[in-house]
Amino acid sequence: MHEVEFINPAATVDVIVEDNLERILLIKRGGEEANGEWALPGGYLDCGKETLEHAACRELGEETCLIAKEKDLILLNNYSSPDRDPRGHVISHTYIASRYSGIAKPRDDAKEVEWFSLDEIPKLAFDHNDMVNDYLVWRKRNGR
């Protein structure tokens, strides 16, 4: 009998923060990977310690000072291409946050935060432009 070895991918969360002016919040990354590139706020799940929704709220607060509640997040999609992240097989769970409090300021590994109009989104790190494009489709489908 052959024994199967399971290698598990890492789990991350990314958050599309929208405002009522048809803009989304992006961070300029300060970490090792994609340093200096614009991206959605997000990061790794603390495996065995938190839910994906909790990770999304935690990462949002750590990187942007914004506070969101888990119950207010909307799951947009999951992104699981094995080559989507140069660090290895990483599955991202992308959420939309339209309800939050606070003033956006850079923290943790975010060098900058900036609101971008939906028609002026720059080139983003990883596959975050795909996430934003899916978000734009979601907005049209939901009459936003």
N, C-alpha and C. Protein backbone atom coordinates (compact mmCIF):
# COMPACT_ATOMS: atom_id res chain seq x y z
N MET A 1 0.83 -1.17 0.00
CA MET A 1 0.00 0.00 0.00
C MET A 1 0.89 1.25 0.00
N HIS A 2 0.55 2.20 -0.86
CA HIS A 2 1.32 3.43 -0.96
C HIS A 2 0.75 4.48 -0.01
N GLU A 3 1.64 5.10 0.73
CA GLU A 3 1.22 6.16 1.63
C GLU A 3 1.26 7.49 0.88
N VAL A 4 0.22 8.28 1.04
CA VAL A 4 0.13 9.58 0.38
C VAL A 4 0.57 10.66 1.35
N GLU A 5 1.44 11.54 0.89
CA GLU A 5 1.87 12.67 1.70
C GLU A 5 1.10 13.91 1.24
N PHE A 6 0.45 14.57 2.18
CA PHE A 6 -0.29 15.78 1.86
C PHE A 6 0.56 16.99 2.22
N ILE A 7 0.73 17.88 1.26
CA ILE A 7 1.43 19.13 1.49
C ILE A 7 0.38 20.22 1.38
N ASN A 8 0.17 20.94 2.45
CA ASN A 8 -0.89 21.94 2.48
C ASN A 8 -0.39 23.30 2.06
N PRO A 9 -1.17 23.99 1.22
CA PRO A 9 -0.81 25.37 0.86
C PRO A 9 -1.09 26.31 2.04
N ALA A 10 -0.47 27.46 2.01
CA ALA A 10 -0.73 28.48 3.02
C ALA A 10 -2.03 29.20 2.68
N ALA A 11 -2.67 29.75 3.69
CA ALA A 11 -3.90 30.52 3.50
C ALA A 11 -3.63 31.98 3.81
N THR A 12 -4.13 32.85 2.93
CA THR A 12 -4.03 34.28 3.17
C THR A 12 -5.41 34.91 2.97
N VAL A 13 -5.49 36.17 3.38
CA VAL A 13 -6.69 36.97 3.15
C VAL A 13 -6.26 38.28 2.51
N ASP A 14 -7.10 38.80 1.66
CA ASP A 14 -6.92 40.13 1.07
C ASP A 14 -8.25 40.84 1.21
N VAL A 15 -8.19 42.17 1.41
CA VAL A 15 -9.41 42.93 1.66
C VAL A 15 -9.51 44.09 0.67
N ILE A 16 -10.63 44.13 -0.03
CA ILE A 16 -10.95 45.27 -0.89
C ILE A 16 -11.82 46.20 -0.05
N VAL A 17 -11.25 47.32 0.35
CA VAL A 17 -11.95 48.31 1.16
C VAL A 17 -12.52 49.35 0.21
N GLU A 18 -13.85 49.48 0.21
CA GLU A 18 -14.49 50.44 -0.69
C GLU A 18 -15.08 51.59 0.12
N ASP A 19 -15.16 52.75 -0.52
CA ASP A 19 -15.83 53.88 0.11
C ASP A 19 -17.01 54.30 -0.76
N ASN A 20 -17.73 55.33 -0.33
CA ASN A 20 -18.91 55.76 -1.09
C ASN A 20 -18.56 56.73 -2.22
N LEU A 21 -17.26 56.90 -2.49
CA LEU A 21 -16.82 57.76 -3.59
C LEU A 21 -16.27 56.93 -4.76
N GLU A 22 -16.61 55.63 -4.78
CA GLU A 22 -16.16 54.71 -5.81
C GLU A 22 -14.63 54.63 -5.87
N ARG A 23 -14.06 54.43 -4.69
CA ARG A 23 -12.62 54.25 -4.56
C ARG A 23 -12.35 53.02 -3.72
N ILE A 24 -11.14 52.47 -3.86
CA ILE A 24 -10.69 51.40 -2.98
C ILE A 24 -9.35 51.80 -2.37
N LEU A 25 -9.08 51.22 -1.22
CA LEU A 25 -7.86 51.53 -0.48
C LEU A 25 -6.76 50.53 -0.83
N LEU A 26 -5.60 51.06 -1.17
CA LEU A 26 -4.45 50.22 -1.46
C LEU A 26 -3.32 50.57 -0.51
N ILE A 27 -2.43 49.61 -0.31
CA ILE A 27 -1.23 49.85 0.49
C ILE A 27 -0.01 49.73 -0.41
N LYS A 28 1.02 50.48 -0.08
CA LYS A 28 2.32 50.28 -0.72
C LYS A 28 3.09 49.35 0.21
N ARG A 29 3.47 48.19 -0.31
CA ARG A 29 4.07 47.15 0.51
C ARG A 29 5.47 47.54 1.00
N GLY A 30 5.74 47.18 2.23
CA GLY A 30 7.05 47.43 2.80
C GLY A 30 7.74 46.14 3.21
N GLY A 31 7.08 45.01 3.05
CA GLY A 31 7.68 43.73 3.43
C GLY A 31 8.71 43.28 2.41
N GLU A 32 9.25 42.13 2.65
CA GLU A 32 10.30 41.61 1.76
C GLU A 32 9.80 41.35 0.35
N GLU A 33 8.63 40.71 0.24
CA GLU A 33 8.09 40.35 -1.07
C GLU A 33 7.29 41.51 -1.65
N ALA A 34 7.55 41.88 -2.89
CA ALA A 34 6.84 42.95 -3.60
C ALA A 34 7.01 44.30 -2.90
N ASN A 35 8.15 44.53 -2.32
CA ASN A 35 8.43 45.77 -1.61
C ASN A 35 8.28 46.96 -2.55
N GLY A 36 7.52 47.97 -2.10
CA GLY A 36 7.32 49.17 -2.89
C GLY A 36 6.20 49.08 -3.90
N GLU A 37 5.56 47.93 -4.02
CA GLU A 37 4.45 47.77 -4.96
C GLU A 37 3.12 48.01 -4.25
N TRP A 38 2.15 48.48 -5.01
CA TRP A 38 0.80 48.65 -4.49
C TRP A 38 0.11 47.30 -4.41
N ALA A 39 -0.73 47.13 -3.40
CA ALA A 39 -1.44 45.87 -3.20
C ALA A 39 -2.67 46.12 -2.35
N LEU A 40 -3.51 45.12 -2.28
CA LEU A 40 -4.62 45.14 -1.34
C LEU A 40 -4.06 44.84 0.06
N PRO A 41 -4.67 45.40 1.10
CA PRO A 41 -4.25 45.01 2.43
C PRO A 41 -4.57 43.54 2.67
N GLY A 42 -3.72 42.87 3.40
CA GLY A 42 -3.96 41.46 3.68
C GLY A 42 -2.74 40.78 4.23
N GLY A 43 -2.87 39.48 4.44
CA GLY A 43 -1.74 38.72 4.96
C GLY A 43 -2.14 37.30 5.29
N TYR A 44 -1.27 36.63 6.02
CA TYR A 44 -1.43 35.21 6.32
C TYR A 44 -2.40 34.96 7.48
N LEU A 45 -3.10 33.86 7.36
CA LEU A 45 -3.95 33.34 8.43
C LEU A 45 -3.04 32.79 9.53
N ASP A 46 -3.35 33.09 10.78
CA ASP A 46 -2.66 32.46 11.90
C ASP A 46 -3.30 31.09 12.08
N CYS A 47 -2.70 30.08 11.45
CA CYS A 47 -3.27 28.74 11.38
C CYS A 47 -3.52 28.17 12.79
N GLY A 48 -4.71 27.64 12.98
CA GLY A 48 -5.09 27.04 14.24
C GLY A 48 -5.50 28.05 15.30
N LYS A 49 -5.47 29.34 14.97
CA LYS A 49 -5.77 30.38 15.96
C LYS A 49 -6.93 31.29 15.57
N GLU A 50 -7.29 31.36 14.29
CA GLU A 50 -8.31 32.33 13.89
C GLU A 50 -9.03 31.88 12.63
N THR A 51 -10.20 32.46 12.42
CA THR A 51 -10.95 32.23 11.19
C THR A 51 -10.41 33.14 10.10
N LEU A 52 -10.80 32.87 8.88
CA LEU A 52 -10.41 33.74 7.76
C LEU A 52 -10.94 35.15 7.96
N GLU A 53 -12.18 35.26 8.42
CA GLU A 53 -12.78 36.58 8.63
C GLU A 53 -12.03 37.35 9.72
N HIS A 54 -11.65 36.66 10.77
CA HIS A 54 -10.88 37.32 11.83
C HIS A 54 -9.53 37.78 11.28
N ALA A 55 -8.89 36.93 10.48
CA ALA A 55 -7.60 37.29 9.87
C ALA A 55 -7.75 38.53 8.99
N ALA A 56 -8.84 38.60 8.22
CA ALA A 56 -9.06 39.75 7.35
C ALA A 56 -9.19 41.03 8.17
N CYS A 57 -9.97 40.97 9.25
CA CYS A 57 -10.12 42.15 10.12
C CYS A 57 -8.80 42.51 10.80
N ARG A 58 -8.09 41.51 11.28
CA ARG A 58 -6.81 41.75 11.95
C ARG A 58 -5.81 42.38 10.99
N GLU A 59 -5.65 41.80 9.81
CA GLU A 59 -4.69 42.32 8.83
C GLU A 59 -5.07 43.73 8.39
N LEU A 60 -6.35 43.98 8.20
CA LEU A 60 -6.80 45.31 7.82
C LEU A 60 -6.39 46.32 8.88
N GLY A 61 -6.62 46.00 10.14
CA GLY A 61 -6.24 46.89 11.22
C GLY A 61 -4.74 47.07 11.34
N GLU A 62 -4.00 45.97 11.20
CA GLU A 62 -2.54 46.03 11.32
C GLU A 62 -1.91 46.89 10.23
N GLU A 63 -2.46 46.85 9.03
CA GLU A 63 -1.84 47.55 7.91
C GLU A 63 -2.42 48.93 7.64
N THR A 64 -3.67 49.18 8.02
CA THR A 64 -4.32 50.45 7.63
C THR A 64 -4.95 51.22 8.79
N CYS A 65 -4.97 50.66 9.99
CA CYS A 65 -5.63 51.26 11.15
C CYS A 65 -7.16 51.25 11.05
N LEU A 66 -7.73 50.68 10.01
CA LEU A 66 -9.19 50.61 9.89
C LEU A 66 -9.71 49.40 10.66
N ILE A 67 -10.90 49.55 11.23
CA ILE A 67 -11.50 48.49 12.02
C ILE A 67 -12.76 48.02 11.30
N ALA A 68 -12.80 46.73 11.00
CA ALA A 68 -13.98 46.13 10.38
C ALA A 68 -14.45 44.98 11.26
N LYS A 69 -15.73 44.67 11.16
CA LYS A 69 -16.30 43.55 11.91
C LYS A 69 -16.45 42.36 10.97
N GLU A 70 -16.17 41.19 11.51
CA GLU A 70 -16.24 39.95 10.71
C GLU A 70 -17.59 39.80 10.03
N LYS A 71 -18.67 40.12 10.73
CA LYS A 71 -20.03 39.92 10.19
C LYS A 71 -20.32 40.84 9.01
N ASP A 72 -19.55 41.91 8.88
CA ASP A 72 -19.79 42.87 7.80
C ASP A 72 -19.00 42.56 6.52
N LEU A 73 -18.09 41.61 6.57
CA LEU A 73 -17.28 41.28 5.40
C LEU A 73 -18.10 40.47 4.40
N ILE A 74 -17.81 40.68 3.12
CA ILE A 74 -18.44 39.91 2.05
C ILE A 74 -17.34 39.14 1.33
N LEU A 75 -17.49 37.82 1.25
CA LEU A 75 -16.50 37.01 0.53
C LEU A 75 -16.67 37.23 -0.96
N LEU A 76 -15.62 37.72 -1.62
CA LEU A 76 -15.65 37.94 -3.06
C LEU A 76 -15.32 36.66 -3.81
N ASN A 77 -14.16 36.07 -3.49
CA ASN A 77 -13.70 34.90 -4.24
C ASN A 77 -12.48 34.31 -3.54
N ASN A 78 -12.08 33.14 -4.00
CA ASN A 78 -10.85 32.50 -3.57
C ASN A 78 -9.92 32.40 -4.78
N TYR A 79 -8.64 32.55 -4.54
CA TYR A 79 -7.65 32.53 -5.62
C TYR A 79 -6.60 31.49 -5.26
N SER A 80 -6.52 30.44 -6.08
CA SER A 80 -5.72 29.28 -5.69
C SER A 80 -4.70 28.81 -6.71
N SER A 81 -4.44 29.60 -7.73
CA SER A 81 -3.45 29.18 -8.72
C SER A 81 -2.12 28.89 -8.01
N PRO A 82 -1.51 27.75 -8.27
CA PRO A 82 -0.26 27.40 -7.58
C PRO A 82 0.86 28.40 -7.79
N ASP A 83 0.79 29.20 -8.85
CA ASP A 83 1.87 30.15 -9.13
C ASP A 83 1.46 31.60 -8.87
N ARG A 84 0.40 31.82 -8.12
CA ARG A 84 -0.08 33.19 -7.88
C ARG A 84 0.82 33.98 -6.95
N ASP A 85 1.64 33.29 -6.17
CA ASP A 85 2.51 33.95 -5.20
C ASP A 85 3.91 33.33 -5.32
N PRO A 86 4.95 34.16 -5.48
CA PRO A 86 6.30 33.61 -5.65
C PRO A 86 6.84 32.90 -4.41
N ARG A 87 6.18 33.07 -3.27
CA ARG A 87 6.65 32.43 -2.03
C ARG A 87 6.21 30.98 -1.93
N GLY A 88 5.34 30.53 -2.83
CA GLY A 88 4.85 29.16 -2.78
C GLY A 88 3.36 29.11 -3.06
N HIS A 89 2.77 27.92 -2.87
CA HIS A 89 1.35 27.76 -3.12
C HIS A 89 0.58 28.40 -1.97
N VAL A 90 -0.06 29.50 -2.28
CA VAL A 90 -0.79 30.30 -1.30
C VAL A 90 -2.20 30.53 -1.84
N ILE A 91 -3.19 30.17 -1.05
CA ILE A 91 -4.58 30.38 -1.45
C ILE A 91 -5.09 31.63 -0.74
N SER A 92 -5.54 32.60 -1.53
CA SER A 92 -6.07 33.84 -0.96
C SER A 92 -7.59 33.79 -0.94
N HIS A 93 -8.15 34.27 0.15
CA HIS A 93 -9.59 34.43 0.33
C HIS A 93 -9.82 35.94 0.37
N THR A 94 -10.51 36.45 -0.63
CA THR A 94 -10.62 37.89 -0.79
C THR A 94 -12.00 38.37 -0.34
N TYR A 95 -11.98 39.37 0.52
CA TYR A 95 -13.19 39.93 1.10
C TYR A 95 -13.38 41.38 0.67
N ILE A 96 -14.64 41.81 0.73
CA ILE A 96 -15.00 43.21 0.49
C ILE A 96 -15.43 43.80 1.83
N ALA A 97 -14.88 44.97 2.16
CA ALA A 97 -15.26 45.68 3.37
C ALA A 97 -15.81 47.04 2.97
N SER A 98 -17.10 47.23 3.17
CA SER A 98 -17.71 48.54 2.90
C SER A 98 -18.12 49.23 4.20
N ARG A 99 -18.12 48.48 5.30
CA ARG A 99 -18.43 49.04 6.62
C ARG A 99 -17.20 48.88 7.49
N TYR A 100 -16.70 49.98 7.98
CA TYR A 100 -15.49 49.99 8.81
C TYR A 100 -15.43 51.34 9.51
N SER A 101 -14.54 51.45 10.46
CA SER A 101 -14.37 52.73 11.15
C SER A 101 -12.88 53.05 11.21
N GLY A 102 -12.59 54.32 11.51
CA GLY A 102 -11.21 54.76 11.63
C GLY A 102 -10.77 55.58 10.43
N ILE A 103 -9.55 56.04 10.52
CA ILE A 103 -8.94 56.81 9.43
C ILE A 103 -7.76 56.00 8.93
N ALA A 104 -7.70 55.81 7.62
CA ALA A 104 -6.64 54.99 7.02
C ALA A 104 -5.28 55.64 7.20
N LYS A 105 -4.38 54.89 7.83
CA LYS A 105 -2.99 55.32 8.02
C LYS A 105 -2.11 54.09 7.87
N PRO A 106 -0.91 54.23 7.32
CA PRO A 106 -0.04 53.06 7.18
C PRO A 106 0.51 52.57 8.51
N ARG A 107 0.52 51.26 8.67
CA ARG A 107 1.09 50.61 9.85
C ARG A 107 1.74 49.31 9.44
N ASP A 108 2.43 48.70 10.37
CA ASP A 108 3.02 47.38 10.17
C ASP A 108 3.92 47.40 8.94
N ASP A 109 3.66 46.52 7.95
CA ASP A 109 4.53 46.48 6.77
C ASP A 109 3.98 47.27 5.59
N ALA A 110 3.05 48.19 5.85
CA ALA A 110 2.56 49.09 4.79
C ALA A 110 3.32 50.41 4.89
N LYS A 111 3.98 50.78 3.79
CA LYS A 111 4.72 52.05 3.76
C LYS A 111 3.78 53.25 3.60
N GLU A 112 2.73 53.04 2.79
CA GLU A 112 1.76 54.08 2.48
C GLU A 112 0.39 53.45 2.34
N VAL A 113 -0.65 54.26 2.51
CA VAL A 113 -2.01 53.87 2.14
C VAL A 113 -2.58 55.00 1.29
N GLU A 114 -3.36 54.63 0.31
CA GLU A 114 -3.94 55.65 -0.57
C GLU A 114 -5.24 55.13 -1.16
N TRP A 115 -6.21 56.04 -1.26
CA TRP A 115 -7.48 55.71 -1.93
C TRP A 115 -7.31 55.93 -3.43
N PHE A 116 -7.74 54.95 -4.23
CA PHE A 116 -7.65 55.03 -5.69
C PHE A 116 -9.04 54.93 -6.30
N SER A 117 -9.30 55.81 -7.25
CA SER A 117 -10.54 55.74 -8.02
C SER A 117 -10.57 54.42 -8.77
N LEU A 118 -11.78 53.86 -8.93
CA LEU A 118 -11.91 52.56 -9.59
C LEU A 118 -11.43 52.58 -11.04
N ASP A 119 -11.38 53.74 -11.66
CA ASP A 119 -10.89 53.79 -13.04
C ASP A 119 -9.41 54.19 -13.12
N GLU A 120 -8.73 54.23 -11.98
CA GLU A 120 -7.30 54.58 -11.97
C GLU A 120 -6.48 53.64 -11.09
N ILE A 121 -6.82 52.36 -11.13
CA ILE A 121 -6.10 51.38 -10.32
C ILE A 121 -4.74 51.10 -10.97
N PRO A 122 -3.65 51.24 -10.21
CA PRO A 122 -2.32 50.97 -10.79
C PRO A 122 -2.07 49.48 -10.91
N LYS A 123 -0.93 49.13 -11.48
CA LYS A 123 -0.50 47.73 -11.51
C LYS A 123 -0.25 47.31 -10.07
N LEU A 124 -0.81 46.16 -9.69
CA LEU A 124 -0.73 45.70 -8.32
C LEU A 124 0.15 44.46 -8.20
N ALA A 125 0.63 44.21 -7.00
CA ALA A 125 1.44 43.04 -6.70
C ALA A 125 0.62 41.76 -6.85
N PHE A 126 1.33 40.66 -7.02
CA PHE A 126 0.73 39.32 -7.08
C PHE A 126 -0.39 39.31 -8.14
N ASP A 127 -1.53 38.74 -7.81
CA ASP A 127 -2.68 38.72 -8.73
C ASP A 127 -3.79 39.65 -8.26
N HIS A 128 -3.40 40.70 -7.56
CA HIS A 128 -4.41 41.60 -6.99
C HIS A 128 -5.21 42.36 -8.04
N ASN A 129 -4.64 42.59 -9.23
CA ASN A 129 -5.44 43.21 -10.29
C ASN A 129 -6.59 42.29 -10.71
N ASP A 130 -6.36 40.97 -10.71
CA ASP A 130 -7.43 40.02 -11.00
C ASP A 130 -8.54 40.13 -9.96
N MET A 131 -8.15 40.27 -8.71
CA MET A 131 -9.13 40.43 -7.63
C MET A 131 -9.95 41.69 -7.82
N VAL A 132 -9.29 42.78 -8.15
CA VAL A 132 -10.00 44.05 -8.37
C VAL A 132 -10.93 43.93 -9.58
N ASN A 133 -10.48 43.28 -10.64
CA ASN A 133 -11.35 43.09 -11.81
C ASN A 133 -12.58 42.27 -11.45
N ASP A 134 -12.41 41.22 -10.64
CA ASP A 134 -13.56 40.43 -10.19
C ASP A 134 -14.48 41.28 -9.31
N TYR A 135 -13.90 42.14 -8.52
CA TYR A 135 -14.69 43.06 -7.68
C TYR A 135 -15.53 43.99 -8.56
N LEU A 136 -14.94 44.51 -9.64
CA LEU A 136 -15.68 45.40 -10.54
C LEU A 136 -16.86 44.67 -11.17
N VAL A 137 -16.67 43.41 -11.54
CA VAL A 137 -17.78 42.60 -12.08
C VAL A 137 -18.84 42.40 -11.00
N TRP A 138 -18.41 42.10 -9.78
CA TRP A 138 -19.32 41.92 -8.66
C TRP A 138 -20.15 43.18 -8.43
N ARG A 139 -19.52 44.36 -8.51
CA ARG A 139 -20.24 45.63 -8.32
C ARG A 139 -21.34 45.78 -9.35
N LYS A 140 -21.04 45.48 -10.61
CA LYS A 140 -22.06 45.62 -11.67
C LYS A 140 -23.21 44.66 -11.43
N ARG A 141 -22.89 43.42 -11.06
CA ARG A 141 -23.93 42.43 -10.82
C ARG A 141 -24.83 42.81 -9.63
N ASN A 142 -24.27 43.53 -8.69
CA ASN A 142 -25.00 43.90 -7.49
C ASN A 142 -25.52 45.33 -7.51
N GLY A 143 -25.51 45.95 -8.69
CA GLY A 143 -26.09 47.28 -8.86
C GLY A 143 -25.41 48.37 -8.08
N ARG A 144 -24.13 48.28 -7.95
CA ARG A 144 -23.38 49.32 -7.21
C ARG A 144 -22.70 50.27 -8.15
